[in-house]
Amino acid sequence: MTASKTWIKSSRSQSTATCVELTTDLDEIRISKDPFGPTSRADVSRFVQAVKEGRFDR
C-alpha cells in the first residue's frame, strides 16, 4: 500500500461503482472498492498510448 500517493478516479464513475483508480503520477493502478488492497505498478501513460494506437484491437 502506498498511503502517500494521491489517487484519482474517473469522473464518469458513480460514487458506488467499482472502477480502476490511478495515481496522479500514473505509475500505479488499484481497484476503488479496495483502497487498502494491492496495487499494480504500470507505465500507465505508455499503456494509454498503446490503446490509442490500436495495439489491442482484435
C-alpha atoms as a PDB file:
ATOM      1  CA  MET A   1       0.000   0.000   0.000  1.00  0.00           C
ATOM      2  CA  THR A   2       1.199   3.481  -0.819  1.00  0.00           C
ATOM      3  CA  ALA A   3      -0.613   5.830   1.533  1.00  0.00           C
ATOM      4  CA  SER A   4       1.348   8.901   0.424  1.00  0.00           C
ATOM      5  CA  LYS A   5       0.091   8.632  -3.165  1.00  0.00           C
ATOM      6  CA  THR A   6      -2.795  10.694  -4.496  1.00  0.00           C
ATOM      7  CA  TRP A   7      -5.357   8.536  -6.285  1.00  0.00           C
ATOM      8  CA  ILE A   8      -7.764   9.672  -8.995  1.00  0.00           C
ATOM      9  CA  LYS A   9     -10.933   8.005 -10.221  1.00  0.00           C
ATOM     10  CA  SER A  10     -12.744   8.629 -13.466  1.00  0.00           C
ATOM     11  CA  SER A  11     -15.202  11.500 -13.341  1.00  0.00           C
ATOM     12  CA  ARG A  12     -17.632   9.185 -15.171  1.00  0.00           C
ATOM     13  CA  SER A  13     -17.597   6.686 -12.325  1.00  0.00           C
ATOM     14  CA  GLN A  14     -20.552   6.705  -9.971  1.00  0.00           C
ATOM     15  CA  SER A  15     -19.747   7.003  -6.287  1.00  0.00           C
ATOM     16  CA  THR A  16     -20.978   3.458  -5.564  1.00  0.00           C
ATOM     17  CA  ALA A  17     -19.452   1.856  -8.660  1.00  0.00           C
ATOM     18  CA  THR A  18     -16.228  -0.110  -8.613  1.00  0.00           C
ATOM     19  CA  CYS A  19     -13.661   1.142 -11.042  1.00  0.00           C
ATOM     20  CA  VAL A  20      -9.965   1.479 -11.594  1.00  0.00           C
ATOM     21  CA  GLU A  21      -8.072   4.316  -9.930  1.00  0.00           C
ATOM     22  CA  LEU A  22      -4.698   5.713 -10.954  1.00  0.00           C
ATOM     23  CA  THR A  23      -2.051   7.607  -9.061  1.00  0.00           C
ATOM     24  CA  THR A  24      -1.552  11.177 -10.188  1.00  0.00           C
ATOM     25  CA  ASP A  25       1.950  10.311 -11.383  1.00  0.00           C
ATOM     26  CA  LEU A  26       0.475   7.438 -13.459  1.00  0.00           C
ATOM     27  CA  ASP A  27       2.630   4.643 -12.103  1.00  0.00           C
ATOM     28  CA  GLU A  28       0.157   2.567 -10.041  1.00  0.00           C
ATOM     29  CA  ILE A  29      -3.340   1.153 -10.529  1.00  0.00           C
ATOM     30  CA  ARG A  30      -5.830  -0.191  -7.985  1.00  0.00           C
ATOM     31  CA  ILE A  31      -9.472  -1.220  -7.693  1.00  0.00           C
ATOM     32  CA  SER A  32     -11.509   1.510  -5.996  1.00  0.00           C
ATOM     33  CA  LYS A  33     -13.565  -0.888  -3.859  1.00  0.00           C
ATOM     34  CA  ASP A  34     -10.395  -1.979  -2.003  1.00  0.00           C
ATOM     35  CA  PRO A  35      -8.320   1.173  -1.413  1.00  0.00           C
ATOM     36  CA  PHE A  36      -6.067  -0.572   1.106  1.00  0.00           C
ATOM     37  CA  GLY A  37      -5.618  -3.672  -1.034  1.00  0.00           C
ATOM     38  CA  PRO A  38      -2.906  -4.478  -3.544  1.00  0.00           C
ATOM     39  CA  THR A  39      -1.808  -2.144  -6.295  1.00  0.00           C
ATOM     40  CA  SER A  40      -0.196  -2.843  -9.649  1.00  0.00           C
ATOM     41  CA  ARG A  41       2.753  -0.872 -10.892  1.00  0.00           C
ATOM     42  CA  ALA A  42       2.467   0.128 -14.524  1.00  0.00           C
ATOM     43  CA  ASP A  43       3.585   2.722 -17.025  1.00  0.00           C
ATOM     44  CA  VAL A  44       0.024   3.966 -17.496  1.00  0.00           C
ATOM     45  CA  SER A  45       0.846   6.710 -19.992  1.00  0.00           C
ATOM     46  CA  ARG A  46       2.588   4.150 -22.205  1.00  0.00           C
ATOM     47  CA  PHE A  47      -0.386   1.786 -21.888  1.00  0.00           C
ATOM     48  CA  VAL A  48      -2.847   4.549 -22.844  1.00  0.00           C
ATOM     49  CA  GLN A  49      -0.709   5.416 -25.855  1.00  0.00           C
ATOM     50  CA  ALA A  50      -0.779   1.754 -26.980  1.00  0.00           C
ATOM     51  CA  VAL A  51      -4.576   1.709 -26.678  1.00  0.00           C
ATOM     52  CA  LYS A  52      -4.856   4.894 -28.731  1.00  0.00           C
ATOM     53  CA  GLU A  53      -2.623   3.336 -31.389  1.00  0.00           C
ATOM     54  CA  GLY A  54      -4.979   0.341 -31.619  1.00  0.00           C
ATOM     55  CA  ARG A  55      -2.399  -2.185 -30.441  1.00  0.00           C
ATOM     56  CA  PHE A  56      -5.084  -4.121 -28.531  1.00  0.00           C
ATOM     57  CA  ASP A  57      -7.699  -4.108 -31.289  1.00  0.00           C
ATOM     58  CA  ARG A  58      -8.793  -7.509 -32.487  1.00  0.00           C
END
